[in-house]
PDB file of N, CA and C in Angstrom:
ATOM      1  N   MET A   1       2.705   0.803 -28.646  1.00  0.00           N
ATOM      2  CA  MET A   1       3.127  -0.362 -27.881  1.00  0.00           C
ATOM      3  C   MET A   1       1.956  -0.799 -27.006  1.00  0.00           C
ATOM      4  N   ASN A   2       1.675  -2.101 -27.014  1.00  0.00           N
ATOM      5  CA  ASN A   2       0.601  -2.596 -26.158  1.00  0.00           C
ATOM      6  C   ASN A   2       1.180  -3.071 -24.818  1.00  0.00           C
ATOM      7  N   ARG A   3       0.291  -3.488 -23.933  1.00  0.00           N
ATOM      8  CA  ARG A   3       0.712  -3.861 -22.582  1.00  0.00           C
ATOM      9  C   ARG A   3       1.688  -5.024 -22.579  1.00  0.00           C
ATOM     10  N   GLU A   4       1.422  -6.048 -23.375  1.00  0.00           N
ATOM     11  CA  GLU A   4       2.301  -7.224 -23.388  1.00  0.00           C
ATOM     12  C   GLU A   4       3.697  -6.876 -23.895  1.00  0.00           C
ATOM     13  N   GLN A   5       3.788  -6.014 -24.891  1.00  0.00           N
ATOM     14  CA  GLN A   5       5.093  -5.579 -25.396  1.00  0.00           C
ATOM     15  C   GLN A   5       5.849  -4.800 -24.324  1.00  0.00           C
ATOM     16  N   LEU A   6       5.135  -3.926 -23.615  1.00  0.00           N
ATOM     17  CA  LEU A   6       5.768  -3.148 -22.548  1.00  0.00           C
ATOM     18  C   LEU A   6       6.281  -4.066 -21.446  1.00  0.00           C
ATOM     19  N   ILE A   7       5.478  -5.019 -21.032  1.00  0.00           N
ATOM     20  CA  ILE A   7       5.889  -5.941 -19.974  1.00  0.00           C
ATOM     21  C   ILE A   7       7.105  -6.757 -20.416  1.00  0.00           C
ATOM     22  N   ARG A   8       7.114  -7.194 -21.664  1.00  0.00           N
ATOM     23  CA  ARG A   8       8.253  -7.946 -22.192  1.00  0.00           C
ATOM     24  C   ARG A   8       9.533  -7.108 -22.123  1.00  0.00           C
ATOM     25  N   ARG A   9       9.427  -5.846 -22.519  1.00  0.00           N
ATOM     26  CA  ARG A   9      10.597  -4.960 -22.489  1.00  0.00           C
ATOM     27  C   ARG A   9      11.044  -4.657 -21.062  1.00  0.00           C
ATOM     28  N   LEU A  10      10.091  -4.485 -20.159  1.00  0.00           N
ATOM     29  CA  LEU A  10      10.436  -4.232 -18.761  1.00  0.00           C
ATOM     30  C   LEU A  10      11.117  -5.448 -18.139  1.00  0.00           C
ATOM     31  N   ARG A  11      10.633  -6.652 -18.476  1.00  0.00           N
ATOM     32  CA  ARG A  11      11.246  -7.876 -17.970  1.00  0.00           C
ATOM     33  C   ARG A  11      12.698  -7.981 -18.459  1.00  0.00           C
ATOM     34  N   LYS A  12      12.921  -7.679 -19.713  1.00  0.00           N
ATOM     35  CA  LYS A  12      14.268  -7.717 -20.290  1.00  0.00           C
ATOM     36  C   LYS A  12      15.165  -6.678 -19.616  1.00  0.00           C
ATOM     37  N   PHE A  13      14.619  -5.475 -19.379  1.00  0.00           N
ATOM     38  CA  PHE A  13      15.369  -4.419 -18.701  1.00  0.00           C
ATOM     39  C   PHE A  13      15.785  -4.856 -17.303  1.00  0.00           C
ATOM     40  N   ALA A  14      14.847  -5.432 -16.555  1.00  0.00           N
ATOM     41  CA  ALA A  14      15.129  -5.857 -15.183  1.00  0.00           C
ATOM     42  C   ALA A  14      16.187  -6.956 -15.165  1.00  0.00           C
ATOM     43  N   ARG A  15      16.073  -7.911 -16.064  1.00  0.00           N
ATOM     44  CA  ARG A  15      17.045  -9.007 -16.134  1.00  0.00           C
ATOM     45  C   ARG A  15      18.441  -8.458 -16.451  1.00  0.00           C
ATOM     46  N   LYS A  16      18.500  -7.538 -17.404  1.00  0.00           N
ATOM     47  CA  LYS A  16      19.776  -6.928 -17.809  1.00  0.00           C
ATOM     48  C   LYS A  16      20.438  -6.187 -16.649  1.00  0.00           C
ATOM     49  N   ASN A  17      19.618  -5.563 -15.805  1.00  0.00           N
ATOM     50  CA  ASN A  17      20.138  -4.760 -14.700  1.00  0.00           C
ATOM     51  C   ASN A  17      20.147  -5.500 -13.364  1.00  0.00           C
ATOM     52  N   GLY A  18      19.834  -6.786 -13.380  1.00  0.00           N
ATOM     53  CA  GLY A  18      19.881  -7.586 -12.161  1.00  0.00           C
ATOM     54  C   GLY A  18      18.870  -7.177 -11.114  1.00  0.00           C
ATOM     55  N   GLN A  19      17.701  -6.716 -11.545  1.00  0.00           N
ATOM     56  CA  GLN A  19      16.668  -6.276 -10.608  1.00  0.00           C
ATOM     57  C   GLN A  19      15.525  -7.286 -10.548  1.00  0.00           C
ATOM     58  N   PHE A  20      14.859  -7.316  -9.414  1.00  0.00           N
ATOM     59  CA  PHE A  20      13.682  -8.151  -9.228  1.00  0.00           C
ATOM     60  C   PHE A  20      12.576  -7.669 -10.154  1.00  0.00           C
ATOM     61  N   PHE A  21      11.842  -8.592 -10.749  1.00  0.00           N
ATOM     62  CA  PHE A  21      10.730  -8.234 -11.636  1.00  0.00           C
ATOM     63  C   PHE A  21       9.555  -9.156 -11.360  1.00  0.00           C
ATOM     64  N   GLU A  22       8.368  -8.578 -11.280  1.00  0.00           N
ATOM     65  CA  GLU A  22       7.171  -9.382 -11.054  1.00  0.00           C
ATOM     66  C   GLU A  22       5.959  -8.710 -11.689  1.00  0.00           C
ATOM     67  N   VAL A  23       5.092  -9.523 -12.265  1.00  0.00           N
ATOM     68  CA  VAL A  23       3.801  -9.067 -12.775  1.00  0.00           C
ATOM     69  C   VAL A  23       2.742  -9.806 -11.987  1.00  0.00           C
ATOM     70  N   ASP A  24       1.898  -9.059 -11.308  1.00  0.00           N
ATOM     71  CA  ASP A  24       0.829  -9.660 -10.507  1.00  0.00           C
ATOM     72  C   ASP A  24      -0.503  -9.328 -11.161  1.00  0.00           C
ATOM     73  N   LYS A  25      -1.085 -10.317 -11.796  1.00  0.00           N
ATOM     74  CA  LYS A  25      -2.353 -10.116 -12.498  1.00  0.00           C
ATOM     75  C   LYS A  25      -3.543 -10.183 -11.549  1.00  0.00           C
ATOM     76  N   SER A  26      -3.360 -10.731 -10.376  1.00  0.00           N
ATOM     77  CA  SER A  26      -4.479 -10.897  -9.447  1.00  0.00           C
ATOM     78  C   SER A  26      -4.730  -9.655  -8.597  1.00  0.00           C
ATOM     79  N   ARG A  27      -3.720  -8.809  -8.402  1.00  0.00           N
ATOM     80  CA  ARG A  27      -3.893  -7.642  -7.526  1.00  0.00           C
ATOM     81  C   ARG A  27      -4.409  -6.425  -8.272  1.00  0.00           C
ATOM     82  N   GLY A  28      -4.338  -6.443  -9.588  1.00  0.00           N
ATOM     83  CA  GLY A  28      -4.854  -5.313 -10.355  1.00  0.00           C
ATOM     84  C   GLY A  28      -6.371  -5.321 -10.357  1.00  0.00           C
ATOM     85  N   ASP A  29      -6.950  -4.219 -10.741  1.00  0.00           N
ATOM     86  CA  ASP A  29      -8.402  -4.099 -10.774  1.00  0.00           C
ATOM     87  C   ASP A  29      -8.893  -4.371 -12.197  1.00  0.00           C
ATOM     88  N   GLY A  30      -9.590  -5.465 -12.407  1.00  0.00           N
ATOM     89  CA  GLY A  30     -10.129  -5.789 -13.729  1.00  0.00           C
ATOM     90  C   GLY A  30      -9.029  -6.106 -14.719  1.00  0.00           C
ATOM     91  N   SER A  31      -8.851  -5.242 -15.697  1.00  0.00           N
ATOM     92  CA  SER A  31      -7.863  -5.480 -16.746  1.00  0.00           C
ATOM     93  C   SER A  31      -6.511  -4.843 -16.426  1.00  0.00           C
ATOM     94  N   HIS A  32      -6.294  -4.456 -15.189  1.00  0.00           N
ATOM     95  CA  HIS A  32      -5.048  -3.818 -14.776  1.00  0.00           C
ATOM     96  C   HIS A  32      -4.099  -4.852 -14.159  1.00  0.00           C
ATOM     97  N   TYR A  33      -2.815  -4.678 -14.421  1.00  0.00           N
ATOM     98  CA  TYR A  33      -1.772  -5.524 -13.836  1.00  0.00           C
ATOM     99  C   TYR A  33      -0.919  -4.677 -12.914  1.00  0.00           C
ATOM    100  N   ARG A  34      -0.380  -5.302 -11.879  1.00  0.00           N
ATOM    101  CA  ARG A  34       0.595  -4.635 -11.004  1.00  0.00           C
ATOM    102  C   ARG A  34       1.969  -5.124 -11.441  1.00  0.00           C
ATOM    103  N   VAL A  35       2.874  -4.193 -11.714  1.00  0.00           N
ATOM    104  CA  VAL A  35       4.222  -4.529 -12.163  1.00  0.00           C
ATOM    105  C   VAL A  35       5.214  -3.959 -11.164  1.00  0.00           C
ATOM    106  N   GLN A  36       6.195  -4.781 -10.800  1.00  0.00           N
ATOM    107  CA  GLN A  36       7.223  -4.351  -9.858  1.00  0.00           C
ATOM    108  C   GLN A  36       8.598  -4.594 -10.460  1.00  0.00           C
ATOM    109  N   ILE A  37       9.444  -3.562 -10.366  1.00  0.00           N
ATOM    110  CA  ILE A  37      10.856  -3.679 -10.717  1.00  0.00           C
ATOM    111  C   ILE A  37      11.629  -3.171  -9.516  1.00  0.00           C
ATOM    112  N   GLY A  38      12.438  -4.025  -8.939  1.00  0.00           N
ATOM    113  CA  GLY A  38      13.169  -3.655  -7.727  1.00  0.00           C
ATOM    114  C   GLY A  38      12.182  -3.340  -6.616  1.00  0.00           C
ATOM    115  N   GLU A  39      12.310  -2.166  -6.023  1.00  0.00           N
ATOM    116  CA  GLU A  39      11.423  -1.747  -4.939  1.00  0.00           C
ATOM    117  C   GLU A  39      10.236  -0.923  -5.434  1.00  0.00           C
ATOM    118  N   ARG A  40      10.203  -0.606  -6.713  1.00  0.00           N
ATOM    119  CA  ARG A  40       9.150   0.248  -7.258  1.00  0.00           C
ATOM    120  C   ARG A  40       8.071  -0.586  -7.933  1.00  0.00           C
ATOM    121  N   TRP A  41       6.841  -0.094  -7.869  1.00  0.00           N
ATOM    122  CA  TRP A  41       5.733  -0.775  -8.512  1.00  0.00           C
ATOM    123  C   TRP A  41       4.785   0.242  -9.116  1.00  0.00           C
ATOM    124  N   THR A  42       3.979  -0.220 -10.054  1.00  0.00           N
ATOM    125  CA  THR A  42       2.965   0.623 -10.675  1.00  0.00           C
ATOM    126  C   THR A  42       1.863  -0.255 -11.240  1.00  0.00           C
ATOM    127  N   THR A  43       0.818   0.370 -11.717  1.00  0.00           N
ATOM    128  CA  THR A  43      -0.295  -0.330 -12.338  1.00  0.00           C
ATOM    129  C   THR A  43      -0.231  -0.100 -13.839  1.00  0.00           C
ATOM    130  N   VAL A  44      -0.428  -1.173 -14.600  1.00  0.00           N
ATOM    131  CA  VAL A  44      -0.399  -1.088 -16.055  1.00  0.00           C
ATOM    132  C   VAL A  44      -1.770  -1.490 -16.582  1.00  0.00           C
ATOM    133  N   GLN A  45      -2.397  -0.584 -17.323  1.00  0.00           N
ATOM    134  CA  GLN A  45      -3.710  -0.838 -17.892  1.00  0.00           C
ATOM    135  C   GLN A  45      -3.572  -1.637 -19.188  1.00  0.00           C
ATOM    136  N   SER A  46      -4.695  -2.107 -19.707  1.00  0.00           N
ATOM    137  CA  SER A  46      -4.651  -2.889 -20.938  1.00  0.00           C
ATOM    138  C   SER A  46      -4.454  -2.000 -22.166  1.00  0.00           C
ATOM    139  N   LYS A  47      -4.997  -0.808 -22.161  1.00  0.00           N
ATOM    140  CA  LYS A  47      -4.836   0.109 -23.296  1.00  0.00           C
ATOM    141  C   LYS A  47      -3.893   1.228 -22.886  1.00  0.00           C
ATOM    142  N   LEU A  48      -2.797   1.359 -23.631  1.00  0.00           N
ATOM    143  CA  LEU A  48      -1.780   2.328 -23.270  1.00  0.00           C
ATOM    144  C   LEU A  48      -1.602   3.375 -24.361  1.00  0.00           C
ATOM    145  N   LYS A  49      -1.539   4.619 -23.938  1.00  0.00           N
ATOM    146  CA  LYS A  49      -1.207   5.724 -24.830  1.00  0.00           C
ATOM    147  C   LYS A  49       0.224   6.137 -24.510  1.00  0.00           C
ATOM    148  N   PRO A  50       0.900   6.805 -25.434  1.00  0.00           N
ATOM    149  CA  PRO A  50       2.309   7.178 -25.214  1.00  0.00           C
ATOM    150  C   PRO A  50       2.551   7.922 -23.894  1.00  0.00           C
ATOM    151  N   HIS A  51       1.665   8.835 -23.531  1.00  0.00           N
ATOM    152  CA  HIS A  51       1.866   9.583 -22.287  1.00  0.00           C
ATOM    153  C   HIS A  51       1.780   8.652 -21.073  1.00  0.00           C
ATOM    154  N   LYS A  52       0.870   7.691 -21.118  1.00  0.00           N
ATOM    155  CA  LYS A  52       0.734   6.757 -19.999  1.00  0.00           C
ATOM    156  C   LYS A  52       1.965   5.872 -19.875  1.00  0.00           C
ATOM    157  N   ILE A  53       2.550   5.483 -21.002  1.00  0.00           N
ATOM    158  CA  ILE A  53       3.773   4.678 -20.978  1.00  0.00           C
ATOM    159  C   ILE A  53       4.899   5.473 -20.320  1.00  0.00           C
ATOM    160  N   GLU A  54       5.007   6.759 -20.651  1.00  0.00           N
ATOM    161  CA  GLU A  54       6.023   7.617 -20.028  1.00  0.00           C
ATOM    162  C   GLU A  54       5.822   7.667 -18.519  1.00  0.00           C
ATOM    163  N   THR A  55       4.580   7.784 -18.076  1.00  0.00           N
ATOM    164  CA  THR A  55       4.271   7.836 -16.644  1.00  0.00           C
ATOM    165  C   THR A  55       4.656   6.532 -15.958  1.00  0.00           C
ATOM    166  N   ILE A  56       4.341   5.401 -16.585  1.00  0.00           N
ATOM    167  CA  ILE A  56       4.677   4.092 -16.021  1.00  0.00           C
ATOM    168  C   ILE A  56       6.186   3.955 -15.863  1.00  0.00           C
ATOM    169  N   LEU A  57       6.922   4.326 -16.890  1.00  0.00           N
ATOM    170  CA  LEU A  57       8.384   4.226 -16.842  1.00  0.00           C
ATOM    171  C   LEU A  57       8.959   5.123 -15.748  1.00  0.00           C
ATOM    172  N   LYS A  58       8.411   6.319 -15.615  1.00  0.00           N
ATOM    173  CA  LYS A  58       8.873   7.243 -14.578  1.00  0.00           C
ATOM    174  C   LYS A  58       8.607   6.659 -13.186  1.00  0.00           C
ATOM    175  N   GLN A  59       7.433   6.069 -12.985  1.00  0.00           N
ATOM    176  CA  GLN A  59       7.092   5.479 -11.690  1.00  0.00           C
ATOM    177  C   GLN A  59       8.007   4.305 -11.356  1.00  0.00           C
ATOM    178  N   LEU A  60       8.459   3.585 -12.380  1.00  0.00           N
ATOM    179  CA  LEU A  60       9.341   2.441 -12.157  1.00  0.00           C
ATOM    180  C   LEU A  60      10.817   2.827 -12.155  1.00  0.00           C
ATOM    181  N   GLY A  61      11.117   4.086 -12.453  1.00  0.00           N
ATOM    182  CA  GLY A  61      12.508   4.537 -12.472  1.00  0.00           C
ATOM    183  C   GLY A  61      13.283   4.012 -13.663  1.00  0.00           C
ATOM    184  N   VAL A  62      12.603   3.839 -14.797  1.00  0.00           N
ATOM    185  CA  VAL A  62      13.230   3.309 -16.013  1.00  0.00           C
ATOM    186  C   VAL A  62      13.389   4.423 -17.033  1.00  0.00           C
ATOM    187  N   ASP A  63      14.593   4.576 -17.554  1.00  0.00           N
ATOM    188  CA  ASP A  63      14.848   5.554 -18.608  1.00  0.00           C
ATOM    189  C   ASP A  63      14.318   4.981 -19.923  1.00  0.00           C
ATOM    190  N   PRO A  64      13.443   5.685 -20.623  1.00  0.00           N
ATOM    191  CA  PRO A  64      12.867   5.158 -21.863  1.00  0.00           C
ATOM    192  C   PRO A  64      13.920   4.748 -22.907  1.00  0.00           C
ATOM    193  N   SER A  65      15.060   5.387 -22.903  1.00  0.00           N
ATOM    194  CA  SER A  65      16.097   5.051 -23.875  1.00  0.00           C
ATOM    195  C   SER A  65      16.718   3.681 -23.592  1.00  0.00           C
ATOM    196  N   GLU A  66      16.520   3.138 -22.390  1.00  0.00           N
ATOM    197  CA  GLU A  66      17.084   1.840 -22.029  1.00  0.00           C
ATOM    198  C   GLU A  66      16.184   0.677 -22.429  1.00  0.00           C
ATOM    199  N   LEU A  67      14.993   0.986 -22.927  1.00  0.00           N
ATOM    200  CA  LEU A  67      14.094  -0.078 -23.379  1.00  0.00           C
ATOM    201  C   LEU A  67      14.375  -0.347 -24.828  1.00  0.00           C
TER     202      LEU A  67
END
């Protein structure tokens, strides 16, 4: 899964659960984006490996089975 696919799925998850969602491309460093769901936020890099995706989901409080 690439970054855009992950962001699309996170946006859908947030909408489904009635949570605030935002992607801030200006606050990240270089090719990094800041993503916020509800009160939680994390940084999403352009190249993602499966372990990094798990870490991002954990930081955002998202169960991988809900994506």
